[in-house]
Amino acid sequence: MKKNELNIKQAMENTVYPINTPNIRFHDLKFLYLKDIVGDKKKGIDGILPISRSTWFAGIKAGKYPKPTHISTRRVAWKYTEIVNLVYSFPNYGEAA
């Protein structure tokens, strides 16, 4: 299993699913936090993408990466499907390093 796939799988395991939501696909309701996407070196968390926080936010400002969704007044997250689509859109995705 590739490193990115493993990190996505770990992020999925930490996601809380709502109960009794008919006609809604669960992956459409999942969100990833910043630490899931770019990681946290102080806590030893590997991110899905090998970039820094500042690069991530610069990419959002430039329109290269998806904008966050406000899930409360002080908390933002990114839709799981948008991050997965971003990872698959990279030209070298799936090639061995």
N, C-alpha and C. Protein backbone atom coordinates (compact mmCIF):
# COMPACT_ATOMS: atom_id res chain seq x y z
N MET A 1 0.84 -1.18 0.00
CA MET A 1 0.00 0.00 0.00
C MET A 1 0.89 1.24 0.00
N LYS A 2 0.52 2.22 -0.79
CA LYS A 2 1.30 3.44 -0.90
C LYS A 2 1.08 4.32 0.32
N LYS A 3 2.06 5.22 0.57
CA LYS A 3 2.00 6.07 1.76
C LYS A 3 0.75 6.94 1.75
N ASN A 4 0.40 7.56 0.60
CA ASN A 4 -0.78 8.41 0.54
C ASN A 4 -2.05 7.63 0.82
N GLU A 5 -2.14 6.41 0.28
CA GLU A 5 -3.33 5.58 0.52
C GLU A 5 -3.44 5.22 1.99
N LEU A 6 -2.31 4.96 2.63
CA LEU A 6 -2.31 4.62 4.04
C LEU A 6 -2.78 5.81 4.88
N ASN A 7 -2.31 7.01 4.56
CA ASN A 7 -2.71 8.20 5.31
C ASN A 7 -4.18 8.51 5.11
N ILE A 8 -4.70 8.32 3.90
CA ILE A 8 -6.12 8.53 3.65
C ILE A 8 -6.93 7.53 4.46
N LYS A 9 -6.47 6.28 4.50
CA LYS A 9 -7.17 5.25 5.26
C LYS A 9 -7.18 5.59 6.76
N GLN A 10 -6.05 6.08 7.28
CA GLN A 10 -5.99 6.47 8.70
C GLN A 10 -6.94 7.63 8.98
N ALA A 11 -7.00 8.59 8.07
CA ALA A 11 -7.90 9.72 8.25
C ALA A 11 -9.36 9.26 8.23
N MET A 12 -9.67 8.27 7.38
CA MET A 12 -11.04 7.75 7.30
C MET A 12 -11.43 7.09 8.61
N GLU A 13 -10.50 6.39 9.24
CA GLU A 13 -10.80 5.70 10.50
C GLU A 13 -11.11 6.67 11.62
N ASN A 14 -10.59 7.89 11.55
CA ASN A 14 -10.83 8.89 12.59
C ASN A 14 -12.06 9.74 12.32
N THR A 15 -12.79 9.44 11.26
CA THR A 15 -13.95 10.24 10.88
C THR A 15 -15.21 9.67 11.53
N VAL A 16 -16.05 10.55 12.04
CA VAL A 16 -17.31 10.14 12.66
C VAL A 16 -18.40 10.20 11.61
N TYR A 17 -19.17 9.12 11.49
CA TYR A 17 -20.25 9.05 10.51
C TYR A 17 -21.59 9.34 11.19
N PRO A 18 -22.46 10.08 10.54
CA PRO A 18 -23.80 10.27 11.09
C PRO A 18 -24.63 8.99 10.94
N ILE A 19 -25.57 8.83 11.80
CA ILE A 19 -26.40 7.62 11.78
C ILE A 19 -27.75 7.94 11.13
N ASN A 20 -28.30 6.97 10.43
CA ASN A 20 -29.62 7.08 9.79
C ASN A 20 -29.72 8.26 8.82
N THR A 21 -28.87 8.26 7.84
CA THR A 21 -28.92 9.29 6.80
C THR A 21 -29.22 8.61 5.48
N PRO A 22 -30.48 8.45 5.13
CA PRO A 22 -30.84 7.75 3.89
C PRO A 22 -30.48 8.57 2.66
N ASN A 23 -30.13 7.85 1.59
CA ASN A 23 -29.85 8.43 0.28
C ASN A 23 -28.66 9.40 0.27
N ILE A 24 -27.79 9.28 1.24
CA ILE A 24 -26.60 10.12 1.27
C ILE A 24 -25.40 9.18 1.37
N ARG A 25 -24.43 9.39 0.49
CA ARG A 25 -23.23 8.58 0.55
C ARG A 25 -22.35 9.09 1.69
N PHE A 26 -21.83 8.19 2.50
CA PHE A 26 -21.07 8.59 3.68
C PHE A 26 -19.83 9.40 3.34
N HIS A 27 -19.13 9.07 2.23
CA HIS A 27 -17.92 9.81 1.93
C HIS A 27 -18.22 11.25 1.52
N ASP A 28 -19.48 11.56 1.19
CA ASP A 28 -19.84 12.95 0.90
C ASP A 28 -19.98 13.77 2.18
N LEU A 29 -20.12 13.10 3.31
CA LEU A 29 -20.33 13.78 4.58
C LEU A 29 -19.05 13.88 5.42
N LYS A 30 -17.98 13.24 4.96
CA LYS A 30 -16.75 13.20 5.76
C LYS A 30 -15.92 14.46 5.53
N PHE A 31 -15.23 14.85 6.57
CA PHE A 31 -14.35 16.01 6.51
C PHE A 31 -12.97 15.63 7.02
N LEU A 32 -11.96 16.30 6.51
CA LEU A 32 -10.59 16.13 6.98
C LEU A 32 -10.11 17.45 7.55
N TYR A 33 -9.41 17.37 8.66
CA TYR A 33 -8.84 18.56 9.27
C TYR A 33 -7.45 18.82 8.69
N LEU A 34 -6.92 19.98 8.97
CA LEU A 34 -5.62 20.37 8.44
C LEU A 34 -4.54 19.36 8.83
N LYS A 35 -4.56 18.88 10.06
CA LYS A 35 -3.55 17.92 10.50
C LYS A 35 -3.64 16.61 9.73
N ASP A 36 -4.82 16.26 9.22
CA ASP A 36 -4.97 15.05 8.40
C ASP A 36 -4.36 15.25 7.02
N ILE A 37 -4.42 16.47 6.52
CA ILE A 37 -3.98 16.76 5.16
C ILE A 37 -2.48 17.00 5.09
N VAL A 38 -1.96 17.89 5.93
CA VAL A 38 -0.53 18.23 5.88
C VAL A 38 0.26 17.66 7.05
N GLY A 39 -0.40 17.06 8.03
CA GLY A 39 0.28 16.45 9.15
C GLY A 39 0.64 17.44 10.25
N ASP A 40 1.27 16.92 11.28
CA ASP A 40 1.74 17.73 12.40
C ASP A 40 3.04 17.13 12.89
N LYS A 41 4.15 17.79 12.59
CA LYS A 41 5.47 17.26 12.92
C LYS A 41 5.68 17.14 14.43
N LYS A 42 5.13 18.07 15.21
CA LYS A 42 5.32 18.04 16.66
C LYS A 42 4.67 16.81 17.28
N LYS A 43 3.53 16.39 16.73
CA LYS A 43 2.83 15.23 17.26
C LYS A 43 3.17 13.95 16.50
N GLY A 44 3.99 14.06 15.46
CA GLY A 44 4.40 12.89 14.70
C GLY A 44 3.32 12.35 13.77
N ILE A 45 2.44 13.22 13.31
CA ILE A 45 1.35 12.81 12.42
C ILE A 45 1.78 13.08 10.98
N ASP A 46 1.79 12.03 10.16
CA ASP A 46 2.09 12.19 8.74
C ASP A 46 0.83 12.64 8.01
N GLY A 47 0.98 13.60 7.14
CA GLY A 47 -0.15 14.08 6.37
C GLY A 47 -0.35 13.31 5.08
N ILE A 48 -1.47 13.54 4.44
CA ILE A 48 -1.76 12.92 3.15
C ILE A 48 -0.85 13.52 2.08
N LEU A 49 -0.65 14.83 2.16
CA LEU A 49 0.19 15.53 1.19
C LEU A 49 1.52 15.94 1.84
N PRO A 50 2.62 15.78 1.14
CA PRO A 50 3.92 16.14 1.71
C PRO A 50 4.26 17.62 1.51
N ILE A 51 3.42 18.49 2.06
CA ILE A 51 3.64 19.93 1.96
C ILE A 51 3.46 20.56 3.33
N SER A 52 3.94 21.79 3.46
CA SER A 52 3.82 22.50 4.74
C SER A 52 2.48 23.22 4.82
N ARG A 53 2.17 23.68 6.03
CA ARG A 53 0.93 24.44 6.24
C ARG A 53 0.92 25.71 5.41
N SER A 54 2.06 26.41 5.38
CA SER A 54 2.10 27.67 4.64
C SER A 54 1.93 27.43 3.14
N THR A 55 2.50 26.36 2.62
CA THR A 55 2.32 26.02 1.20
C THR A 55 0.86 25.68 0.93
N TRP A 56 0.24 24.97 1.86
CA TRP A 56 -1.18 24.60 1.71
C TRP A 56 -2.05 25.85 1.64
N PHE A 57 -1.85 26.79 2.56
CA PHE A 57 -2.68 27.99 2.57
C PHE A 57 -2.37 28.91 1.39
N ALA A 58 -1.12 28.94 0.94
CA ALA A 58 -0.78 29.71 -0.27
C ALA A 58 -1.47 29.10 -1.49
N GLY A 59 -1.55 27.77 -1.54
CA GLY A 59 -2.24 27.09 -2.64
C GLY A 59 -3.73 27.35 -2.63
N ILE A 60 -4.32 27.46 -1.45
CA ILE A 60 -5.75 27.80 -1.34
C ILE A 60 -5.98 29.21 -1.86
N LYS A 61 -5.11 30.12 -1.45
CA LYS A 61 -5.24 31.52 -1.88
C LYS A 61 -5.09 31.64 -3.40
N ALA A 62 -4.20 30.84 -3.98
CA ALA A 62 -3.96 30.88 -5.42
C ALA A 62 -5.02 30.10 -6.21
N GLY A 63 -5.87 29.36 -5.52
CA GLY A 63 -6.90 28.58 -6.20
C GLY A 63 -6.43 27.20 -6.63
N LYS A 64 -5.26 26.79 -6.18
CA LYS A 64 -4.70 25.48 -6.55
C LYS A 64 -5.31 24.36 -5.72
N TYR A 65 -5.64 24.65 -4.47
CA TYR A 65 -6.20 23.66 -3.54
C TYR A 65 -7.61 24.10 -3.14
N PRO A 66 -8.46 23.15 -2.71
CA PRO A 66 -9.84 23.51 -2.36
C PRO A 66 -9.94 24.39 -1.12
N LYS A 67 -10.97 25.22 -1.10
CA LYS A 67 -11.22 26.08 0.05
C LYS A 67 -11.85 25.26 1.17
N PRO A 68 -11.61 25.67 2.42
CA PRO A 68 -12.19 24.92 3.54
C PRO A 68 -13.67 25.22 3.71
N THR A 69 -14.32 24.33 4.45
CA THR A 69 -15.72 24.49 4.82
C THR A 69 -15.77 24.77 6.31
N HIS A 70 -16.53 25.78 6.70
CA HIS A 70 -16.66 26.10 8.12
C HIS A 70 -17.67 25.13 8.74
N ILE A 71 -17.21 24.33 9.70
CA ILE A 71 -18.10 23.37 10.33
C ILE A 71 -18.58 23.87 11.69
N SER A 72 -17.99 24.93 12.18
CA SER A 72 -18.48 25.65 13.36
C SER A 72 -17.90 27.05 13.28
N THR A 73 -18.13 27.85 14.30
CA THR A 73 -17.67 29.24 14.24
C THR A 73 -16.15 29.35 14.25
N ARG A 74 -15.48 28.38 14.86
CA ARG A 74 -14.02 28.46 14.96
C ARG A 74 -13.29 27.27 14.37
N ARG A 75 -13.99 26.46 13.61
CA ARG A 75 -13.38 25.23 13.09
C ARG A 75 -13.64 25.10 11.60
N VAL A 76 -12.59 24.81 10.84
CA VAL A 76 -12.74 24.57 9.41
C VAL A 76 -12.20 23.18 9.07
N ALA A 77 -12.72 22.63 8.00
CA ALA A 77 -12.28 21.32 7.53
C ALA A 77 -12.48 21.29 6.01
N TRP A 78 -11.93 20.27 5.40
CA TRP A 78 -12.05 20.11 3.95
C TRP A 78 -12.83 18.85 3.67
N LYS A 79 -13.65 18.90 2.62
CA LYS A 79 -14.45 17.74 2.25
C LYS A 79 -13.53 16.61 1.79
N TYR A 80 -13.79 15.44 2.28
CA TYR A 80 -12.99 14.27 1.98
C TYR A 80 -12.90 14.05 0.47
N THR A 81 -14.01 14.16 -0.22
CA THR A 81 -14.02 13.90 -1.67
C THR A 81 -13.15 14.90 -2.42
N GLU A 82 -13.11 16.15 -1.98
CA GLU A 82 -12.28 17.15 -2.64
C GLU A 82 -10.79 16.84 -2.46
N ILE A 83 -10.41 16.36 -1.30
CA ILE A 83 -9.01 16.04 -1.05
C ILE A 83 -8.60 14.79 -1.84
N VAL A 84 -9.46 13.79 -1.88
CA VAL A 84 -9.16 12.59 -2.66
C VAL A 84 -9.03 12.94 -4.14
N ASN A 85 -9.93 13.76 -4.65
CA ASN A 85 -9.84 14.18 -6.05
C ASN A 85 -8.56 14.97 -6.31
N LEU A 86 -8.14 15.78 -5.35
CA LEU A 86 -6.90 16.53 -5.48
C LEU A 86 -5.70 15.58 -5.57
N VAL A 87 -5.67 14.58 -4.71
CA VAL A 87 -4.55 13.62 -4.71
C VAL A 87 -4.50 12.88 -6.05
N TYR A 88 -5.65 12.44 -6.55
CA TYR A 88 -5.68 11.71 -7.82
C TYR A 88 -5.37 12.61 -9.01
N SER A 89 -5.51 13.91 -8.86
CA SER A 89 -5.26 14.83 -9.97
C SER A 89 -3.78 15.10 -10.19
N PHE A 90 -2.93 14.75 -9.21
CA PHE A 90 -1.50 14.99 -9.38
C PHE A 90 -0.98 14.12 -10.52
N PRO A 91 -0.12 14.68 -11.38
CA PRO A 91 0.32 13.95 -12.57
C PRO A 91 1.12 12.68 -12.26
N ASN A 92 1.84 12.64 -11.17
CA ASN A 92 2.68 11.47 -10.85
C ASN A 92 2.03 10.55 -9.83
N TYR A 93 0.74 10.68 -9.60
CA TYR A 93 0.09 9.83 -8.60
C TYR A 93 0.15 8.37 -9.05
N GLY A 94 0.54 7.51 -8.15
CA GLY A 94 0.58 6.08 -8.43
C GLY A 94 1.92 5.58 -8.95
N GLU A 95 2.84 6.47 -9.28
CA GLU A 95 4.15 6.04 -9.75
C GLU A 95 5.07 5.81 -8.55
N ALA A 96 5.94 4.84 -8.70
CA ALA A 96 6.90 4.57 -7.62
C ALA A 96 7.93 5.68 -7.55
N ALA A 97 8.34 5.99 -6.33
CA ALA A 97 9.33 7.06 -6.14
C ALA A 97 10.72 6.59 -6.43
